[in-house]
PDB file of N, CA and C in Angstrom:
ATOM      1  N   MET A   1      40.037  60.662  11.606  1.00  0.00           N
ATOM      2  CA  MET A   1      38.811  59.904  11.823  1.00  0.00           C
ATOM      3  C   MET A   1      38.845  58.652  11.552  1.00  0.00           C
ATOM      4  N   ASP A   2      37.876  57.575  12.627  1.00  0.00           N
ATOM      5  CA  ASP A   2      38.024  56.317  12.629  1.00  0.00           C
ATOM      6  C   ASP A   2      37.488  55.684  12.006  1.00  0.00           C
ATOM      7  N   LEU A   3      38.160  54.160  12.051  1.00  0.00           N
ATOM      8  CA  LEU A   3      37.645  53.037  10.400  1.00  0.00           C
ATOM      9  C   LEU A   3      36.531  52.801  10.362  1.00  0.00           C
ATOM     10  N   ILE A   4      35.077  52.974  11.782  1.00  0.00           N
ATOM     11  CA  ILE A   4      33.917  52.696  11.045  1.00  0.00           C
ATOM     12  C   ILE A   4      33.023  53.945  10.329  1.00  0.00           C
ATOM     13  N   SER A   5      34.087  55.388  11.077  1.00  0.00           N
ATOM     14  CA  SER A   5      33.857  56.222  10.335  1.00  0.00           C
ATOM     15  C   SER A   5      33.854  56.277   8.224  1.00  0.00           C
ATOM     16  N   LEU A   6      34.850  56.103   8.884  1.00  0.00           N
ATOM     17  CA  LEU A   6      35.729  55.692   7.070  1.00  0.00           C
ATOM     18  C   LEU A   6      34.514  55.099   5.837  1.00  0.00           C
ATOM     19  N   GLU A   7      34.105  53.450   6.813  1.00  0.00           N
ATOM     20  CA  GLU A   7      33.549  52.985   6.278  1.00  0.00           C
ATOM     21  C   GLU A   7      31.879  53.324   5.973  1.00  0.00           C
ATOM     22  N   ASN A   8      31.136  54.107   7.876  1.00  0.00           N
ATOM     23  CA  ASN A   8      30.189  54.099   6.885  1.00  0.00           C
ATOM     24  C   ASN A   8      30.145  55.647   5.382  1.00  0.00           C
ATOM     25  N   GLU A   9      30.975  56.373   5.835  1.00  0.00           N
ATOM     26  CA  GLU A   9      31.239  57.196   4.425  1.00  0.00           C
ATOM     27  C   GLU A   9      31.176  56.679   2.946  1.00  0.00           C
ATOM     28  N   ARG A  10      32.191  55.114   3.018  1.00  0.00           N
ATOM     29  CA  ARG A  10      32.676  54.582   1.768  1.00  0.00           C
ATOM     30  C   ARG A  10      30.582  53.720   1.793  1.00  0.00           C
ATOM     31  N   ASP A  11      30.282  53.382   2.397  1.00  0.00           N
ATOM     32  CA  ASP A  11      28.563  52.524   2.109  1.00  0.00           C
ATOM     33  C   ASP A  11      28.286  53.439   1.651  1.00  0.00           C
ATOM     34  N   ASP A  12      28.090  54.841   2.225  1.00  0.00           N
ATOM     35  CA  ASP A  12      27.081  56.197   1.109  1.00  0.00           C
ATOM     36  C   ASP A  12      27.824  56.600   0.016  1.00  0.00           C
ATOM     37  N   LEU A  13      28.342  56.289  -0.311  1.00  0.00           N
ATOM     38  CA  LEU A  13      29.431  57.447  -1.072  1.00  0.00           C
ATOM     39  C   LEU A  13      28.623  56.028  -2.300  1.00  0.00           C
ATOM     40  N   HIS A  14      29.134  54.785  -1.672  1.00  0.00           N
ATOM     41  CA  HIS A  14      28.878  53.872  -3.015  1.00  0.00           C
ATOM     42  C   HIS A  14      27.308  53.529  -3.840  1.00  0.00           C
ATOM     43  N   PHE A  15      26.767  53.449  -1.913  1.00  0.00           N
ATOM     44  CA  PHE A  15      25.088  53.831  -2.137  1.00  0.00           C
ATOM     45  C   PHE A  15      24.851  54.988  -3.359  1.00  0.00           C
ATOM     46  N   ARG A  16      25.138  56.526  -3.604  1.00  0.00           N
ATOM     47  CA  ARG A  16      24.806  56.935  -4.599  1.00  0.00           C
ATOM     48  C   ARG A  16      25.073  56.870  -5.708  1.00  0.00           C
ATOM     49  N   LEU A  17      26.565  56.182  -5.587  1.00  0.00           N
ATOM     50  CA  LEU A  17      27.431  55.963  -7.001  1.00  0.00           C
ATOM     51  C   LEU A  17      26.233  55.287  -7.283  1.00  0.00           C
ATOM     52  N   ASP A  18      26.226  54.010  -6.999  1.00  0.00           N
ATOM     53  CA  ASP A  18      25.990  53.067  -7.169  1.00  0.00           C
ATOM     54  C   ASP A  18      23.887  53.652  -8.433  1.00  0.00           C
ATOM     55  N   GLU A  19      23.552  54.651  -8.074  1.00  0.00           N
ATOM     56  CA  GLU A  19      22.232  54.755  -7.657  1.00  0.00           C
ATOM     57  C   GLU A  19      22.903  56.259  -9.435  1.00  0.00           C
ATOM     58  N   LEU A  20      24.029  57.232  -9.286  1.00  0.00           N
ATOM     59  CA  LEU A  20      24.363  57.999 -10.340  1.00  0.00           C
ATOM     60  C   LEU A  20      24.233  57.035 -11.583  1.00  0.00           C
ATOM     61  N   THR A  21      24.948  55.755 -11.188  1.00  0.00           N
ATOM     62  CA  THR A  21      25.492  54.435 -12.242  1.00  0.00           C
ATOM     63  C   THR A  21      23.949  54.659 -13.034  1.00  0.00           C
ATOM     64  N   LEU A  22      23.184  53.815 -12.624  1.00  0.00           N
ATOM     65  CA  LEU A  22      21.920  53.937 -12.688  1.00  0.00           C
ATOM     66  C   LEU A  22      21.436  54.551 -13.722  1.00  0.00           C
ATOM     67  N   PHE A  23      21.624  56.129 -13.304  1.00  0.00           N
ATOM     68  CA  PHE A  23      20.613  57.176 -13.358  1.00  0.00           C
ATOM     69  C   PHE A  23      21.383  57.581 -15.006  1.00  0.00           C
ATOM     70  N   LEU A  24      22.801  57.523 -15.310  1.00  0.00           N
ATOM     71  CA  LEU A  24      23.047  57.737 -16.299  1.00  0.00           C
ATOM     72  C   LEU A  24      23.091  56.594 -17.087  1.00  0.00           C
ATOM     73  N   ASP A  25      22.449  55.474 -16.919  1.00  0.00           N
ATOM     74  CA  ASP A  25      22.528  53.790 -18.352  1.00  0.00           C
ATOM     75  C   ASP A  25      20.661  54.860 -18.659  1.00  0.00           C
ATOM     76  N   GLU A  26      20.584  54.948 -17.829  1.00  0.00           N
ATOM     77  CA  GLU A  26      18.849  55.449 -18.755  1.00  0.00           C
ATOM     78  C   GLU A  26      18.943  56.338 -19.610  1.00  0.00           C
ATOM     79  N   GLN A  27      19.901  57.146 -18.650  1.00  0.00           N
ATOM     80  CA  GLN A  27      20.115  58.000 -20.177  1.00  0.00           C
ATOM     81  C   GLN A  27      20.644  57.827 -21.360  1.00  0.00           C
ATOM     82  N   ARG A  28      21.728  57.169 -21.674  1.00  0.00           N
ATOM     83  CA  ARG A  28      21.744  56.684 -22.699  1.00  0.00           C
ATOM     84  C   ARG A  28      20.251  55.246 -24.168  1.00  0.00           C
ATOM     85  N   LYS A  29      19.882  55.611 -22.731  1.00  0.00           N
ATOM     86  CA  LYS A  29      18.749  55.112 -23.441  1.00  0.00           C
ATOM     87  C   LYS A  29      18.270  55.370 -24.191  1.00  0.00           C
ATOM     88  N   GLU A  30      17.308  57.055 -22.743  1.00  0.00           N
ATOM     89  CA  GLU A  30      16.644  58.082 -24.002  1.00  0.00           C
ATOM     90  C   GLU A  30      17.027  59.227 -22.384  1.00  0.00           C
ATOM     91  N   GLN A  31      17.293  60.014 -23.514  1.00  0.00           N
ATOM     92  CA  GLN A  31      18.351  61.514 -22.444  1.00  0.00           C
ATOM     93  C   GLN A  31      17.098  61.714 -21.826  1.00  0.00           C
ATOM     94  N   THR A  32      17.481  62.445 -20.938  1.00  0.00           N
ATOM     95  CA  THR A  32      16.617  63.795 -20.409  1.00  0.00           C
ATOM     96  C   THR A  32      16.776  64.881 -19.868  1.00  0.00           C
ATOM     97  N   VAL A  33      18.254  64.791 -19.938  1.00  0.00           N
ATOM     98  CA  VAL A  33      18.547  66.039 -19.339  1.00  0.00           C
ATOM     99  C   VAL A  33      19.631  66.627 -20.650  1.00  0.00           C
ATOM    100  N   SER A  34      19.438  67.662 -20.262  1.00  0.00           N
ATOM    101  CA  SER A  34      21.171  68.510 -21.264  1.00  0.00           C
ATOM    102  C   SER A  34      22.129  67.962 -21.874  1.00  0.00           C
ATOM    103  N   ASN A  35      22.616  68.134 -22.559  1.00  0.00           N
ATOM    104  CA  ASN A  35      23.469  67.416 -23.060  1.00  0.00           C
ATOM    105  C   ASN A  35      25.184  68.394 -22.165  1.00  0.00           C
ATOM    106  N   ARG A  36      24.618  69.883 -21.231  1.00  0.00           N
ATOM    107  CA  ARG A  36      25.688  70.419 -20.310  1.00  0.00           C
ATOM    108  C   ARG A  36      25.539  68.843 -18.972  1.00  0.00           C
ATOM    109  N   GLN A  37      24.315  68.889 -18.703  1.00  0.00           N
ATOM    110  CA  GLN A  37      23.888  68.232 -17.177  1.00  0.00           C
ATOM    111  C   GLN A  37      24.454  66.990 -17.680  1.00  0.00           C
ATOM    112  N   LEU A  38      24.167  66.210 -18.337  1.00  0.00           N
ATOM    113  CA  LEU A  38      25.368  64.892 -18.759  1.00  0.00           C
ATOM    114  C   LEU A  38      26.023  64.699 -18.533  1.00  0.00           C
ATOM    115  N   VAL A  39      26.623  65.670 -19.525  1.00  0.00           N
ATOM    116  CA  VAL A  39      28.536  66.139 -19.423  1.00  0.00           C
ATOM    117  C   VAL A  39      28.575  66.165 -17.533  1.00  0.00           C
ATOM    118  N   LEU A  40      28.712  67.198 -17.568  1.00  0.00           N
ATOM    119  CA  LEU A  40      28.589  67.070 -15.703  1.00  0.00           C
ATOM    120  C   LEU A  40      27.702  66.284 -14.969  1.00  0.00           C
ATOM    121  N   LEU A  41      27.270  65.048 -14.676  1.00  0.00           N
ATOM    122  CA  LEU A  41      26.864  63.867 -14.115  1.00  0.00           C
ATOM    123  C   LEU A  41      28.071  63.083 -14.506  1.00  0.00           C
ATOM    124  N   ASN A  42      28.380  62.865 -16.261  1.00  0.00           N
ATOM    125  CA  ASN A  42      29.112  62.317 -16.239  1.00  0.00           C
ATOM    126  C   ASN A  42      30.473  62.412 -15.735  1.00  0.00           C
ATOM    127  N   ARG A  43      30.918  63.912 -15.507  1.00  0.00           N
ATOM    128  CA  ARG A  43      33.005  63.910 -15.065  1.00  0.00           C
ATOM    129  C   ARG A  43      32.512  64.160 -13.024  1.00  0.00           C
ATOM    130  N   GLN A  44      31.009  63.993 -12.023  1.00  0.00           N
ATOM    131  CA  GLN A  44      30.805  63.961 -11.156  1.00  0.00           C
ATOM    132  C   GLN A  44      31.218  62.443 -10.934  1.00  0.00           C
ATOM    133  N   TRP A  45      30.344  61.379 -11.616  1.00  0.00           N
ATOM    134  CA  TRP A  45      30.945  60.352 -12.170  1.00  0.00           C
ATOM    135  C   TRP A  45      32.171  59.385 -11.783  1.00  0.00           C
ATOM    136  N   LEU A  46      32.968  60.127 -12.325  1.00  0.00           N
ATOM    137  CA  LEU A  46      34.531  60.316 -12.713  1.00  0.00           C
ATOM    138  C   LEU A  46      35.057  60.294 -11.530  1.00  0.00           C
ATOM    139  N   LEU A  47      34.692  62.054 -10.636  1.00  0.00           N
ATOM    140  CA  LEU A  47      35.273  62.265  -9.598  1.00  0.00           C
ATOM    141  C   LEU A  47      35.030  61.266  -8.232  1.00  0.00           C
ATOM    142  N   MET A  48      33.386  60.517  -8.999  1.00  0.00           N
ATOM    143  CA  MET A  48      33.101  60.016  -7.725  1.00  0.00           C
ATOM    144  C   MET A  48      33.870  58.574  -7.134  1.00  0.00           C
ATOM    145  N   CYS A  49      33.956  58.135  -8.039  1.00  0.00           N
ATOM    146  CA  CYS A  49      34.937  56.887  -8.405  1.00  0.00           C
ATOM    147  C   CYS A  49      36.008  56.761  -7.792  1.00  0.00           C
ATOM    148  N   GLY A  50      36.994  58.014  -8.413  1.00  0.00           N
ATOM    149  CA  GLY A  50      38.744  58.669  -6.997  1.00  0.00           C
ATOM    150  C   GLY A  50      37.499  58.685  -6.083  1.00  0.00           C
ATOM    151  N   TYR A  51      37.208  58.967  -5.807  1.00  0.00           N
ATOM    152  CA  TYR A  51      36.864  59.295  -4.110  1.00  0.00           C
ATOM    153  C   TYR A  51      36.379  57.802  -3.305  1.00  0.00           C
ATOM    154  N   LEU A  52      35.464  56.979  -4.134  1.00  0.00           N
ATOM    155  CA  LEU A  52      35.503  55.848  -3.728  1.00  0.00           C
ATOM    156  C   LEU A  52      37.153  54.940  -3.321  1.00  0.00           C
ATOM    157  N   SER A  53      38.337  55.256  -3.884  1.00  0.00           N
ATOM    158  CA  SER A  53      38.630  54.769  -4.509  1.00  0.00           C
ATOM    159  C   SER A  53      39.875  54.518  -3.532  1.00  0.00           C
ATOM    160  N   ILE A  54      40.335  55.855  -2.874  1.00  0.00           N
ATOM    161  CA  ILE A  54      40.804  56.932  -1.691  1.00  0.00           C
ATOM    162  C   ILE A  54      40.134  56.417  -0.546  1.00  0.00           C
ATOM    163  N   LEU A  55      39.312  56.463  -0.094  1.00  0.00           N
ATOM    164  CA  LEU A  55      38.397  56.276   0.191  1.00  0.00           C
ATOM    165  C   LEU A  55      38.838  54.957   1.482  1.00  0.00           C
ATOM    166  N   ASP A  56      38.389  53.997   0.000  1.00  0.00           N
ATOM    167  CA  ASP A  56      38.884  52.032  -0.333  1.00  0.00           C
ATOM    168  C   ASP A  56      40.385  52.484   0.290  1.00  0.00           C
ATOM    169  N   TRP A  57      41.588  53.217   0.077  1.00  0.00           N
ATOM    170  CA  TRP A  57      42.908  52.859   0.393  1.00  0.00           C
ATOM    171  C   TRP A  57      43.341  53.103   1.780  1.00  0.00           C
ATOM    172  N   ARG A  58      41.936  54.151   1.863  1.00  0.00           N
ATOM    173  CA  ARG A  58      42.457  54.743   3.368  1.00  0.00           C
ATOM    174  C   ARG A  58      41.937  53.640   4.758  1.00  0.00           C
ATOM    175  N   ILE A  59      40.512  53.339   4.014  1.00  0.00           N
ATOM    176  CA  ILE A  59      40.520  52.912   5.020  1.00  0.00           C
ATOM    177  C   ILE A  59      41.729  50.263   5.731  1.00  0.00           C
ATOM    178  N   ASN A  60      41.656  50.175   3.912  1.00  0.00           N
ATOM    179  CA  ASN A  60      43.217  49.461   4.133  1.00  0.00           C
ATOM    180  C   ASN A  60      44.241  49.868   5.405  1.00  0.00           C
ATOM    181  N   ASP A  61      44.660  50.968   4.651  1.00  0.00           N
ATOM    182  CA  ASP A  61      46.090  51.745   5.973  1.00  0.00           C
ATOM    183  C   ASP A  61      45.196  51.272   7.127  1.00  0.00           C
ATOM    184  N   LEU A  62      44.236  52.186   7.427  1.00  0.00           N
ATOM    185  CA  LEU A  62      44.020  52.222   8.780  1.00  0.00           C
ATOM    186  C   LEU A  62      43.875  50.520   9.257  1.00  0.00           C
ATOM    187  N   GLU A  63      42.778  49.825   7.914  1.00  0.00           N
ATOM    188  CA  GLU A  63      43.692  48.155   9.206  1.00  0.00           C
ATOM    189  C   GLU A  63      44.855  47.039   8.810  1.00  0.00           C
ATOM    190  N   GLU A  64      45.732  48.033   7.863  1.00  0.00           N
ATOM    191  CA  GLU A  64      46.638  47.687   7.890  1.00  0.00           C
ATOM    192  C   GLU A  64      48.028  47.503   9.232  1.00  0.00           C
ATOM    193  N   GLN A  65      47.177  48.563   9.968  1.00  0.00           N
ATOM    194  CA  GLN A  65      48.095  49.205  10.795  1.00  0.00           C
ATOM    195  C   GLN A  65      47.478  48.477  12.291  1.00  0.00           C
ATOM    196  N   HIS A  66      46.369  48.395  12.192  1.00  0.00           N
ATOM    197  CA  HIS A  66      45.680  47.304  13.900  1.00  0.00           C
ATOM    198  C   HIS A  66      46.137  46.120  13.180  1.00  0.00           C
ATOM    199  N   ASP A  67      47.057  45.662  12.437  1.00  0.00           N
ATOM    200  CA  ASP A  67      47.623  44.245  12.278  1.00  0.00           C
ATOM    201  C   ASP A  67      49.243  44.226  13.448  1.00  0.00           C
TER     202      ASP A  67
END
């Protein structure tokens, strides 16, 4: 996978994570999903954060290789 593809993947994930963060913030004010769904969404958020970190590490590694 090349650097551009990883950056695009990261940008897409970052957008989705921002959207999920906003949704979870709304749920804190007025919960409209079941408790189980809220637990699963919070787990999803955590996993997405981890995935984003790994993409960042991979991008940084590829950038260092080009130096």
